[in-house]
Amino acid sequence: MQLIGMLDSPYVRRVAVSLSLLGLAFEHRPISVFRGFAAFAAINPVVKAPSLVCDDGEVLMDSTLILQYAQSIAAGRRSLMPSGLAPMQRALRLVGLALAACEKSVQIVYERDLRPPDRRHEPWLERIRGQLGAAYFGLEAELHRQPLVATSEAITQAGVSVAVAWQFTQALLPGIVDAAAHPGLAAHSAAAEALPEFRAYPPQ
């Protein structure tokens, strides 16, 4: 398998870390959707990161769908999702909040870096910042109620997604979400980033 996309994307990184945790062999090809548009389009004309080239050449896209496929390959060996209904429900809530945080962070970055200053709409940006804050407020409340485990043997997809999202927002949007007001997220992220599976795929 080949994972296509840059690790500065939280979506690409969550897939890379998850594939590693699942023990699945893959080649990472860091092709940018911007600087390497033509090369990416030759693999996937939609130019969506991450893209996964399966062993038979079929191309999958969207991090959640790729991880669903990966989980099927790893069936019987390891799962990053809990099996019980209540634990799975909580995991899905955490993953959903983390992906929402990623989405809103990306929207802010695009508005800031790609849209001309005279075309930016501050009320829209304020709305996105509010949604971003709400996602992290929800995550912090969940971690305060029940912290996530951050070891290579026990981390779940919720743990991976939350850590990747937090690192991405803090790195690209420093000061937007106050780390001091989110001690549970900061602690979980620090513990996860120290794991070999995270260190093997740094956000770059």
N, C-alpha and C. Protein backbone atom coordinates (compact mmCIF):
# COMPACT_ATOMS: atom_id res chain seq x y z
N MET A 1 0.85 -1.20 0.00
CA MET A 1 0.00 0.00 0.00
C MET A 1 0.88 1.24 0.00
N GLN A 2 0.33 2.30 -0.58
CA GLN A 2 1.01 3.58 -0.59
C GLN A 2 0.08 4.64 -0.02
N LEU A 3 0.58 5.40 0.95
CA LEU A 3 -0.17 6.51 1.52
C LEU A 3 0.34 7.79 0.89
N ILE A 4 -0.54 8.51 0.21
CA ILE A 4 -0.17 9.70 -0.53
C ILE A 4 -0.63 10.94 0.24
N GLY A 5 0.31 11.86 0.46
CA GLY A 5 -0.04 13.12 1.12
C GLY A 5 1.02 13.55 2.10
N MET A 6 0.99 14.82 2.44
CA MET A 6 1.98 15.40 3.35
C MET A 6 1.53 15.24 4.80
N LEU A 7 2.52 15.03 5.67
CA LEU A 7 2.21 14.84 7.08
C LEU A 7 1.84 16.13 7.80
N ASP A 8 1.95 17.27 7.12
CA ASP A 8 1.45 18.50 7.74
C ASP A 8 -0.08 18.54 7.70
N SER A 9 -0.69 17.60 6.99
CA SER A 9 -2.14 17.42 7.03
C SER A 9 -2.49 16.51 8.20
N PRO A 10 -3.39 16.94 9.09
CA PRO A 10 -3.76 16.06 10.20
C PRO A 10 -4.46 14.79 9.73
N TYR A 11 -5.11 14.87 8.59
CA TYR A 11 -5.82 13.70 8.06
C TYR A 11 -4.83 12.65 7.57
N VAL A 12 -3.79 13.10 6.87
CA VAL A 12 -2.75 12.17 6.42
C VAL A 12 -2.03 11.58 7.63
N ARG A 13 -1.72 12.44 8.59
CA ARG A 13 -0.95 11.97 9.75
C ARG A 13 -1.73 10.96 10.58
N ARG A 14 -3.03 11.18 10.77
CA ARG A 14 -3.79 10.22 11.58
C ARG A 14 -3.82 8.85 10.90
N VAL A 15 -3.84 8.84 9.58
CA VAL A 15 -3.80 7.56 8.86
C VAL A 15 -2.44 6.91 9.01
N ALA A 16 -1.37 7.68 8.84
CA ALA A 16 -0.02 7.11 8.94
C ALA A 16 0.22 6.51 10.32
N VAL A 17 -0.12 7.25 11.36
CA VAL A 17 0.07 6.76 12.73
C VAL A 17 -0.80 5.53 12.97
N SER A 18 -2.02 5.56 12.49
CA SER A 18 -2.94 4.44 12.71
C SER A 18 -2.48 3.18 11.99
N LEU A 19 -2.03 3.32 10.74
CA LEU A 19 -1.52 2.16 10.01
C LEU A 19 -0.33 1.54 10.74
N SER A 20 0.52 2.41 11.29
CA SER A 20 1.67 1.92 12.05
C SER A 20 1.23 1.17 13.30
N LEU A 21 0.26 1.73 14.03
CA LEU A 21 -0.24 1.07 15.23
C LEU A 21 -0.91 -0.27 14.91
N LEU A 22 -1.52 -0.35 13.74
CA LEU A 22 -2.18 -1.59 13.33
C LEU A 22 -1.18 -2.62 12.79
N GLY A 23 0.06 -2.22 12.64
CA GLY A 23 1.08 -3.15 12.15
C GLY A 23 0.99 -3.43 10.67
N LEU A 24 0.44 -2.48 9.90
CA LEU A 24 0.27 -2.67 8.46
C LEU A 24 1.42 -2.00 7.71
N ALA A 25 2.01 -2.72 6.80
CA ALA A 25 3.12 -2.20 6.02
C ALA A 25 2.60 -1.26 4.93
N PHE A 26 3.26 -0.12 4.77
CA PHE A 26 2.87 0.82 3.73
C PHE A 26 4.05 1.72 3.40
N GLU A 27 4.00 2.30 2.21
CA GLU A 27 4.99 3.29 1.80
C GLU A 27 4.34 4.66 1.86
N HIS A 28 4.99 5.58 2.53
CA HIS A 28 4.46 6.95 2.57
C HIS A 28 5.12 7.77 1.46
N ARG A 29 4.28 8.38 0.62
CA ARG A 29 4.78 9.24 -0.45
C ARG A 29 4.30 10.67 -0.18
N PRO A 30 5.19 11.53 0.32
CA PRO A 30 4.80 12.88 0.72
C PRO A 30 4.65 13.83 -0.46
N ILE A 31 3.54 13.72 -1.16
CA ILE A 31 3.26 14.57 -2.32
C ILE A 31 2.27 15.64 -1.88
N SER A 32 2.60 16.89 -2.16
CA SER A 32 1.75 18.01 -1.76
C SER A 32 0.61 18.23 -2.74
N VAL A 33 -0.57 18.55 -2.21
CA VAL A 33 -1.72 18.86 -3.08
C VAL A 33 -1.54 20.22 -3.74
N PHE A 34 -0.60 21.02 -3.25
CA PHE A 34 -0.33 22.33 -3.83
C PHE A 34 0.90 22.26 -4.74
N ARG A 35 2.07 22.04 -4.15
CA ARG A 35 3.31 22.05 -4.94
C ARG A 35 3.41 20.86 -5.88
N GLY A 36 2.77 19.74 -5.51
CA GLY A 36 2.85 18.54 -6.35
C GLY A 36 1.52 18.19 -6.98
N PHE A 37 0.74 19.21 -7.33
CA PHE A 37 -0.62 18.97 -7.83
C PHE A 37 -0.66 17.99 -9.00
N ALA A 38 0.21 18.20 -9.98
CA ALA A 38 0.20 17.33 -11.17
C ALA A 38 0.57 15.90 -10.80
N ALA A 39 1.57 15.74 -9.96
CA ALA A 39 1.98 14.39 -9.55
C ALA A 39 0.87 13.71 -8.76
N PHE A 40 0.21 14.47 -7.90
CA PHE A 40 -0.90 13.91 -7.11
C PHE A 40 -2.06 13.54 -8.04
N ALA A 41 -2.37 14.42 -8.99
CA ALA A 41 -3.47 14.17 -9.92
C ALA A 41 -3.24 12.91 -10.75
N ALA A 42 -1.98 12.59 -11.02
CA ALA A 42 -1.66 11.38 -11.79
C ALA A 42 -2.02 10.12 -11.00
N ILE A 43 -2.05 10.24 -9.67
CA ILE A 43 -2.41 9.11 -8.81
C ILE A 43 -3.90 9.12 -8.52
N ASN A 44 -4.41 10.28 -8.17
CA ASN A 44 -5.83 10.46 -7.86
C ASN A 44 -6.27 11.78 -8.45
N PRO A 45 -7.02 11.78 -9.57
CA PRO A 45 -7.42 13.01 -10.23
C PRO A 45 -8.22 13.97 -9.33
N VAL A 46 -8.80 13.46 -8.25
CA VAL A 46 -9.54 14.32 -7.33
C VAL A 46 -8.57 15.16 -6.49
N VAL A 47 -7.33 14.70 -6.38
CA VAL A 47 -6.27 15.37 -5.60
C VAL A 47 -6.75 15.64 -4.18
N LYS A 48 -7.09 14.55 -3.49
CA LYS A 48 -7.56 14.63 -2.11
C LYS A 48 -6.59 13.87 -1.22
N ALA A 49 -6.09 14.57 -0.19
CA ALA A 49 -5.18 13.94 0.77
C ALA A 49 -5.92 13.67 2.08
N PRO A 50 -5.73 12.45 2.61
CA PRO A 50 -4.87 11.39 2.09
C PRO A 50 -5.56 10.58 1.01
N SER A 51 -4.75 9.99 0.16
CA SER A 51 -5.20 8.96 -0.75
C SER A 51 -4.39 7.70 -0.43
N LEU A 52 -5.03 6.56 -0.56
CA LEU A 52 -4.36 5.29 -0.31
C LEU A 52 -4.41 4.44 -1.57
N VAL A 53 -3.24 4.06 -2.08
CA VAL A 53 -3.18 3.15 -3.21
C VAL A 53 -3.11 1.74 -2.64
N CYS A 54 -4.15 0.97 -2.88
CA CYS A 54 -4.20 -0.40 -2.36
C CYS A 54 -3.24 -1.30 -3.13
N ASP A 55 -3.03 -2.48 -2.60
CA ASP A 55 -2.08 -3.40 -3.23
C ASP A 55 -2.48 -3.77 -4.66
N ASP A 56 -3.78 -3.72 -4.96
CA ASP A 56 -4.22 -4.04 -6.32
C ASP A 56 -4.30 -2.80 -7.21
N GLY A 57 -3.88 -1.64 -6.68
CA GLY A 57 -3.85 -0.42 -7.47
C GLY A 57 -5.07 0.47 -7.31
N GLU A 58 -6.12 -0.02 -6.68
CA GLU A 58 -7.29 0.81 -6.46
C GLU A 58 -6.95 1.93 -5.48
N VAL A 59 -7.52 3.11 -5.72
CA VAL A 59 -7.21 4.27 -4.90
C VAL A 59 -8.42 4.62 -4.02
N LEU A 60 -8.17 4.70 -2.72
CA LEU A 60 -9.18 5.12 -1.76
C LEU A 60 -8.84 6.52 -1.27
N MET A 61 -9.85 7.25 -0.81
CA MET A 61 -9.61 8.58 -0.26
C MET A 61 -10.53 8.82 0.93
N ASP A 62 -10.20 9.86 1.69
CA ASP A 62 -10.87 10.24 2.93
C ASP A 62 -10.31 9.41 4.08
N SER A 63 -9.77 10.11 5.08
CA SER A 63 -9.06 9.41 6.15
C SER A 63 -9.93 8.41 6.89
N THR A 64 -11.19 8.74 7.14
CA THR A 64 -12.06 7.83 7.89
C THR A 64 -12.34 6.57 7.08
N LEU A 65 -12.56 6.71 5.78
CA LEU A 65 -12.84 5.54 4.94
C LEU A 65 -11.57 4.69 4.78
N ILE A 66 -10.44 5.34 4.65
CA ILE A 66 -9.17 4.60 4.56
C ILE A 66 -8.95 3.79 5.83
N LEU A 67 -9.22 4.40 6.98
CA LEU A 67 -9.02 3.70 8.25
C LEU A 67 -10.02 2.56 8.43
N GLN A 68 -11.20 2.71 7.90
CA GLN A 68 -12.16 1.61 7.94
C GLN A 68 -11.63 0.43 7.14
N TYR A 69 -11.05 0.72 5.98
CA TYR A 69 -10.44 -0.32 5.15
C TYR A 69 -9.26 -0.97 5.88
N ALA A 70 -8.42 -0.14 6.46
CA ALA A 70 -7.24 -0.65 7.17
C ALA A 70 -7.64 -1.54 8.33
N GLN A 71 -8.70 -1.13 9.03
CA GLN A 71 -9.16 -1.91 10.17
C GLN A 71 -9.63 -3.30 9.72
N SER A 72 -10.22 -3.37 8.53
CA SER A 72 -10.65 -4.66 7.99
C SER A 72 -9.45 -5.55 7.68
N ILE A 73 -8.38 -4.96 7.16
CA ILE A 73 -7.17 -5.74 6.88
C ILE A 73 -6.57 -6.29 8.16
N ALA A 74 -6.61 -5.47 9.21
CA ALA A 74 -6.00 -5.86 10.48
C ALA A 74 -6.92 -6.68 11.37
N ALA A 75 -8.10 -7.00 10.87
CA ALA A 75 -9.07 -7.75 11.68
C ALA A 75 -8.45 -9.03 12.22
N GLY A 76 -8.69 -9.29 13.50
CA GLY A 76 -8.16 -10.47 14.13
C GLY A 76 -6.82 -10.24 14.79
N ARG A 77 -6.18 -9.12 14.47
CA ARG A 77 -4.88 -8.80 15.08
C ARG A 77 -5.03 -7.67 16.08
N ARG A 78 -5.57 -6.56 15.62
CA ARG A 78 -5.75 -5.42 16.52
C ARG A 78 -6.84 -4.52 15.97
N SER A 79 -7.57 -3.88 16.88
CA SER A 79 -8.55 -2.88 16.50
C SER A 79 -8.26 -1.61 17.27
N LEU A 80 -8.39 -0.49 16.61
CA LEU A 80 -8.25 0.80 17.28
C LEU A 80 -9.59 1.35 17.75
N MET A 81 -10.64 0.60 17.48
CA MET A 81 -11.98 0.99 17.93
C MET A 81 -12.49 -0.03 18.93
N PRO A 82 -13.08 0.43 20.05
CA PRO A 82 -13.62 -0.51 21.03
C PRO A 82 -14.82 -1.25 20.47
N SER A 83 -15.09 -2.43 21.01
CA SER A 83 -16.16 -3.26 20.47
C SER A 83 -17.50 -3.05 21.18
N GLY A 84 -17.50 -2.72 22.45
CA GLY A 84 -18.75 -2.53 23.16
C GLY A 84 -19.48 -1.29 22.68
N LEU A 85 -20.81 -1.29 22.78
CA LEU A 85 -21.61 -0.19 22.25
C LEU A 85 -21.28 1.13 22.94
N ALA A 86 -21.29 1.14 24.27
CA ALA A 86 -21.03 2.39 24.98
C ALA A 86 -19.62 2.92 24.73
N PRO A 87 -18.57 2.07 24.82
CA PRO A 87 -17.22 2.58 24.51
C PRO A 87 -17.08 3.05 23.07
N MET A 88 -17.73 2.35 22.13
CA MET A 88 -17.65 2.78 20.74
C MET A 88 -18.36 4.11 20.55
N GLN A 89 -19.49 4.27 21.21
CA GLN A 89 -20.23 5.53 21.10
C GLN A 89 -19.37 6.70 21.56
N ARG A 90 -18.70 6.52 22.70
CA ARG A 90 -17.83 7.58 23.20
C ARG A 90 -16.66 7.83 22.26
N ALA A 91 -16.07 6.75 21.74
CA ALA A 91 -14.95 6.90 20.82
C ALA A 91 -15.37 7.67 19.58
N LEU A 92 -16.54 7.37 19.05
CA LEU A 92 -17.03 8.06 17.86
C LEU A 92 -17.29 9.53 18.15
N ARG A 93 -17.78 9.83 19.35
CA ARG A 93 -17.97 11.24 19.72
C ARG A 93 -16.64 11.97 19.74
N LEU A 94 -15.62 11.36 20.35
CA LEU A 94 -14.32 11.99 20.43
C LEU A 94 -13.69 12.17 19.05
N VAL A 95 -13.79 11.16 18.22
CA VAL A 95 -13.25 11.26 16.86
C VAL A 95 -13.98 12.36 16.09
N GLY A 96 -15.29 12.42 16.24
CA GLY A 96 -16.06 13.45 15.56
C GLY A 96 -15.66 14.85 15.98
N LEU A 97 -15.46 15.05 17.27
CA LEU A 97 -15.02 16.35 17.77
C LEU A 97 -13.62 16.68 17.25
N ALA A 98 -12.73 15.69 17.25
CA ALA A 98 -11.37 15.91 16.77
C ALA A 98 -11.36 16.27 15.28
N LEU A 99 -12.16 15.57 14.50
CA LEU A 99 -12.21 15.87 13.06
C LEU A 99 -12.84 17.23 12.80
N ALA A 100 -13.82 17.61 13.63
CA ALA A 100 -14.40 18.95 13.51
C ALA A 100 -13.35 20.00 13.81
N ALA A 101 -12.53 19.76 14.84
CA ALA A 101 -11.46 20.69 15.18
C ALA A 101 -10.46 20.81 14.03
N CYS A 102 -10.14 19.68 13.40
CA CYS A 102 -9.24 19.71 12.24
C CYS A 102 -9.85 20.53 11.11
N GLU A 103 -11.11 20.29 10.83
CA GLU A 103 -11.79 20.98 9.73
C GLU A 103 -11.81 22.49 9.95
N LYS A 104 -12.14 22.91 11.16
CA LYS A 104 -12.23 24.34 11.44
C LYS A 104 -10.84 24.97 11.44
N SER A 105 -9.84 24.24 11.92
CA SER A 105 -8.46 24.75 11.88
C SER A 105 -8.02 24.95 10.43
N VAL A 106 -8.29 23.97 9.58
CA VAL A 106 -7.92 24.08 8.17
C VAL A 106 -8.63 25.27 7.53
N GLN A 107 -9.89 25.47 7.84
CA GLN A 107 -10.62 26.60 7.26
C GLN A 107 -9.99 27.93 7.65
N ILE A 108 -9.58 28.05 8.91
CA ILE A 108 -8.93 29.28 9.35
C ILE A 108 -7.60 29.48 8.64
N VAL A 109 -6.81 28.40 8.52
CA VAL A 109 -5.52 28.49 7.84
C VAL A 109 -5.72 28.92 6.39
N TYR A 110 -6.69 28.34 5.70
CA TYR A 110 -6.94 28.68 4.31
C TYR A 110 -7.38 30.14 4.17
N GLU A 111 -8.25 30.58 5.07
CA GLU A 111 -8.70 31.98 5.03
C GLU A 111 -7.51 32.92 5.25
N ARG A 112 -6.65 32.56 6.17
CA ARG A 112 -5.51 33.41 6.52
C ARG A 112 -4.43 33.41 5.44
N ASP A 113 -4.13 32.22 4.88
CA ASP A 113 -2.98 32.08 4.01
C ASP A 113 -3.29 32.13 2.52
N LEU A 114 -4.52 31.79 2.14
CA LEU A 114 -4.85 31.69 0.72
C LEU A 114 -5.77 32.80 0.21
N ARG A 115 -6.61 33.33 1.08
CA ARG A 115 -7.54 34.37 0.62
C ARG A 115 -6.89 35.75 0.75
N PRO A 116 -7.00 36.60 -0.26
CA PRO A 116 -6.44 37.95 -0.15
C PRO A 116 -7.04 38.69 1.05
N PRO A 117 -6.25 39.49 1.73
CA PRO A 117 -6.74 40.17 2.94
C PRO A 117 -8.03 40.96 2.72
N ASP A 118 -8.16 41.58 1.56
CA ASP A 118 -9.35 42.41 1.33
C ASP A 118 -10.59 41.58 1.02
N ARG A 119 -10.42 40.25 0.90
CA ARG A 119 -11.55 39.37 0.63
C ARG A 119 -11.98 38.57 1.86
N ARG A 120 -11.26 38.72 2.96
CA ARG A 120 -11.61 37.98 4.17
C ARG A 120 -12.85 38.56 4.82
N HIS A 121 -13.68 37.66 5.32
CA HIS A 121 -14.94 38.07 5.94
C HIS A 121 -14.86 37.77 7.44
N GLU A 122 -14.63 38.79 8.25
CA GLU A 122 -14.38 38.59 9.67
C GLU A 122 -15.53 37.89 10.39
N PRO A 123 -16.80 38.20 10.10
CA PRO A 123 -17.88 37.46 10.78
C PRO A 123 -17.81 35.96 10.52
N TRP A 124 -17.41 35.57 9.32
CA TRP A 124 -17.27 34.15 8.99
C TRP A 124 -16.12 33.54 9.78
N LEU A 125 -14.99 34.25 9.84
CA LEU A 125 -13.86 33.76 10.61
C LEU A 125 -14.22 33.64 12.09
N GLU A 126 -14.96 34.59 12.61
CA GLU A 126 -15.35 34.53 14.01
C GLU A 126 -16.25 33.33 14.27
N ARG A 127 -17.11 33.03 13.34
CA ARG A 127 -17.97 31.85 13.47
C ARG A 127 -17.13 30.57 13.49
N ILE A 128 -16.14 30.48 12.60
CA ILE A 128 -15.28 29.29 12.57
C ILE A 128 -14.49 29.16 13.86
N ARG A 129 -13.96 30.27 14.34
CA ARG A 129 -13.21 30.23 15.61
C ARG A 129 -14.10 29.76 16.76
N GLY A 130 -15.36 30.18 16.74
CA GLY A 130 -16.29 29.72 17.76
C GLY A 130 -16.53 28.23 17.69
N GLN A 131 -16.68 27.71 16.48
CA GLN A 131 -16.87 26.27 16.30
C GLN A 131 -15.63 25.49 16.73
N LEU A 132 -14.46 26.03 16.41
CA LEU A 132 -13.20 25.39 16.82
C LEU A 132 -13.11 25.34 18.34
N GLY A 133 -13.42 26.45 18.98
CA GLY A 133 -13.39 26.49 20.43
C GLY A 133 -14.37 25.53 21.05
N ALA A 134 -15.55 25.41 20.45
CA ALA A 134 -16.56 24.50 20.97
C ALA A 134 -16.10 23.04 20.87
N ALA A 135 -15.43 22.71 19.77
CA ALA A 135 -14.93 21.33 19.60
C ALA A 135 -13.91 21.00 20.68
N TYR A 136 -12.99 21.91 20.93
CA TYR A 136 -11.98 21.63 21.95
C TYR A 136 -12.54 21.72 23.37
N PHE A 137 -13.53 22.55 23.59
CA PHE A 137 -14.20 22.58 24.89
C PHE A 137 -14.86 21.24 25.16
N GLY A 138 -15.52 20.69 24.12
CA GLY A 138 -16.15 19.38 24.27
C GLY A 138 -15.14 18.28 24.52
N LEU A 139 -14.01 18.33 23.83
CA LEU A 139 -12.97 17.32 24.03
C LEU A 139 -12.36 17.42 25.43
N GLU A 140 -12.09 18.63 25.88
CA GLU A 140 -11.52 18.80 27.21
C GLU A 140 -12.46 18.27 28.28
N ALA A 141 -13.75 18.52 28.11
CA ALA A 141 -14.74 18.02 29.08
C ALA A 141 -14.75 16.50 29.09
N GLU A 142 -14.65 15.89 27.91
CA GLU A 142 -14.63 14.43 27.83
C GLU A 142 -13.38 13.85 28.49
N LEU A 143 -12.24 14.48 28.28
CA LEU A 143 -11.00 13.98 28.88
C LEU A 143 -10.96 14.22 30.38
N HIS A 144 -11.62 15.28 30.83
CA HIS A 144 -11.71 15.52 32.27
C HIS A 144 -12.54 14.42 32.92
N ARG A 145 -13.59 14.00 32.23
CA ARG A 145 -14.47 12.95 32.75
C ARG A 145 -13.78 11.59 32.71
N GLN A 146 -13.05 11.34 31.64
CA GLN A 146 -12.36 10.05 31.49
C GLN A 146 -11.16 10.24 30.57
N PRO A 147 -9.95 10.33 31.12
CA PRO A 147 -8.77 10.54 30.28
C PRO A 147 -8.56 9.40 29.29
N LEU A 148 -7.90 9.73 28.20
CA LEU A 148 -7.57 8.73 27.19
C LEU A 148 -6.23 8.09 27.51
N VAL A 149 -6.10 6.82 27.20
CA VAL A 149 -4.83 6.10 27.37
C VAL A 149 -3.92 6.44 26.20
N ALA A 150 -2.65 6.68 26.48
CA ALA A 150 -1.71 7.02 25.42
C ALA A 150 -0.47 6.13 25.52
N THR A 151 -0.67 4.83 25.24
CA THR A 151 0.45 3.90 25.11
C THR A 151 0.31 3.21 23.75
N SER A 152 1.41 2.72 23.22
CA SER A 152 1.37 2.07 21.91
C SER A 152 0.43 0.87 21.91
N GLU A 153 0.33 0.19 23.05
CA GLU A 153 -0.47 -1.04 23.12
C GLU A 153 -1.96 -0.75 23.28
N ALA A 154 -2.31 0.40 23.86
CA ALA A 154 -3.71 0.61 24.24
C ALA A 154 -4.37 1.83 23.62
N ILE A 155 -3.62 2.70 22.93
CA ILE A 155 -4.24 3.89 22.37
C ILE A 155 -5.28 3.51 21.33
N THR A 156 -6.36 4.25 21.30
CA THR A 156 -7.45 3.98 20.38
C THR A 156 -7.45 5.02 19.25
N GLN A 157 -8.35 4.84 18.30
CA GLN A 157 -8.48 5.82 17.23
C GLN A 157 -8.88 7.18 17.80
N ALA A 158 -9.67 7.19 18.85
CA ALA A 158 -10.00 8.46 19.49
C ALA A 158 -8.74 9.12 20.02
N GLY A 159 -7.88 8.35 20.66
CA GLY A 159 -6.64 8.90 21.19
C GLY A 159 -5.74 9.44 20.10
N VAL A 160 -5.65 8.72 18.99
CA VAL A 160 -4.84 9.16 17.87
C VAL A 160 -5.39 10.45 17.28
N SER A 161 -6.68 10.47 16.99
CA SER A 161 -7.29 11.61 16.32
C SER A 161 -7.25 12.86 17.18
N VAL A 162 -7.50 12.70 18.48
CA VAL A 162 -7.47 13.85 19.39
C VAL A 162 -6.07 14.44 19.46
N ALA A 163 -5.06 13.58 19.60
CA ALA A 163 -3.67 14.06 19.70
C ALA A 163 -3.23 14.76 18.42
N VAL A 164 -3.55 14.17 17.28
CA VAL A 164 -3.16 14.75 16.00
C VAL A 164 -3.85 16.09 15.80
N ALA A 165 -5.12 16.17 16.12
CA ALA A 165 -5.86 17.43 15.94
C ALA A 165 -5.28 18.53 16.82
N TRP A 166 -5.02 18.21 18.09
CA TRP A 166 -4.50 19.20 19.02
C TRP A 166 -3.14 19.74 18.56
N GLN A 167 -2.25 18.84 18.14
CA GLN A 167 -0.93 19.26 17.68
C GLN A 167 -1.05 20.17 16.46
N PHE A 168 -1.93 19.82 15.55
CA PHE A 168 -2.11 20.60 14.32
C PHE A 168 -2.58 22.02 14.64
N THR A 169 -3.60 22.14 15.47
CA THR A 169 -4.12 23.46 15.80
C THR A 169 -3.09 24.29 16.54
N GLN A 170 -2.42 23.68 17.52
CA GLN A 170 -1.44 24.43 18.29
C GLN A 170 -0.25 24.88 17.44
N ALA A 171 0.14 24.07 16.47
CA ALA A 171 1.29 24.40 15.62
C ALA A 171 0.95 25.48 14.60
N LEU A 172 -0.21 25.37 13.97
CA LEU A 172 -0.54 26.29 12.90
C LEU A 172 -1.31 27.52 13.36
N LEU A 173 -1.99 27.40 14.49
CA LEU A 173 -2.79 28.53 14.98
C LEU A 173 -2.47 28.81 16.44
N PRO A 174 -1.21 29.11 16.73
CA PRO A 174 -0.83 29.35 18.13
C PRO A 174 -1.63 30.50 18.73
N GLY A 175 -2.14 30.26 19.93
CA GLY A 175 -2.89 31.30 20.62
C GLY A 175 -4.37 31.31 20.35
N ILE A 176 -4.81 30.59 19.31
CA ILE A 176 -6.24 30.56 19.00
C ILE A 176 -6.99 29.77 20.06
N VAL A 177 -6.44 28.63 20.47
CA VAL A 177 -7.01 27.81 21.54
C VAL A 177 -5.98 27.76 22.67
N ASP A 178 -6.34 28.31 23.81
CA ASP A 178 -5.41 28.44 24.94
C ASP A 178 -5.08 27.08 25.53
N ALA A 179 -3.81 26.68 25.43
CA ALA A 179 -3.40 25.37 25.96
C ALA A 179 -3.58 25.30 27.47
N ALA A 180 -3.37 26.41 28.16
CA ALA A 180 -3.50 26.42 29.62
C ALA A 180 -4.93 26.13 30.07
N ALA A 181 -5.87 26.43 29.22
CA ALA A 181 -7.27 26.18 29.55
C ALA A 181 -7.72 24.78 29.16
N HIS A 182 -6.80 24.02 28.57
CA HIS A 182 -7.12 22.65 28.12
C HIS A 182 -6.03 21.69 28.60
N PRO A 183 -5.85 21.55 29.90
CA PRO A 183 -4.76 20.71 30.42
C PRO A 183 -4.87 19.24 30.06
N GLY A 184 -6.10 18.73 29.98
CA GLY A 184 -6.27 17.33 29.61
C GLY A 184 -5.81 17.06 28.20
N LEU A 185 -6.16 17.94 27.28
CA LEU A 185 -5.74 17.79 25.89
C LEU A 185 -4.24 17.95 25.75
N ALA A 186 -3.68 18.94 26.44
CA ALA A 186 -2.24 19.16 26.37
C ALA A 186 -1.47 17.96 26.89
N ALA A 187 -1.93 17.38 27.99
CA ALA A 187 -1.25 16.22 28.57
C ALA A 187 -1.36 15.01 27.67
N HIS A 188 -2.55 14.78 27.14
CA HIS A 188 -2.73 13.62 26.24
C HIS A 188 -1.87 13.77 24.99
N SER A 189 -1.86 14.95 24.42
CA SER A 189 -1.07 15.18 23.21
C SER A 189 0.41 14.94 23.47
N ALA A 190 0.91 15.44 24.59
CA ALA A 190 2.33 15.27 24.92
C ALA A 190 2.68 13.79 25.06
N ALA A 191 1.81 13.04 25.72
CA ALA A 191 2.07 11.61 25.91
C ALA A 191 2.02 10.86 24.58
N ALA A 192 1.05 11.20 23.74
CA ALA A 192 0.92 10.52 22.45
C ALA A 192 2.09 10.85 21.53
N GLU A 193 2.49 12.12 21.51
CA GLU A 193 3.58 12.53 20.62
C GLU A 193 4.90 11.86 21.00
N ALA A 194 5.00 11.36 22.22
CA ALA A 194 6.23 10.67 22.64
C ALA A 194 6.27 9.23 22.19
N LEU A 195 5.17 8.70 21.68
CA LEU A 195 5.13 7.30 21.25
C LEU A 195 5.91 7.13 19.95
N PRO A 196 6.52 5.97 19.75
CA PRO A 196 7.32 5.76 18.53
C PRO A 196 6.51 5.87 17.25
N GLU A 197 5.25 5.48 17.30
CA GLU A 197 4.40 5.55 16.10
C GLU A 197 4.13 7.00 15.69
N PHE A 198 4.06 7.89 16.66
CA PHE A 198 3.89 9.31 16.36
C PHE A 198 5.22 9.92 15.92
N ARG A 199 6.31 9.56 16.61
CA ARG A 199 7.63 10.13 16.26
C ARG A 199 8.06 9.70 14.86
N ALA A 200 7.59 8.53 14.43
CA ALA A 200 7.97 8.04 13.10
C ALA A 200 7.33 8.86 11.99
N TYR A 201 6.25 9.56 12.31
CA TYR A 201 5.53 10.36 11.29
C TYR A 201 5.29 11.76 11.85
N PRO A 202 6.35 12.56 11.95
CA PRO A 202 6.23 13.91 12.51
C PRO A 202 5.48 14.83 11.55
N PRO A 203 4.81 15.82 12.10
CA PRO A 203 4.05 16.76 11.25
C PRO A 203 4.98 17.71 10.53
N GLN A 204 5.26 17.43 9.28
CA GLN A 204 6.20 18.27 8.53
C GLN A 204 5.70 18.46 7.11
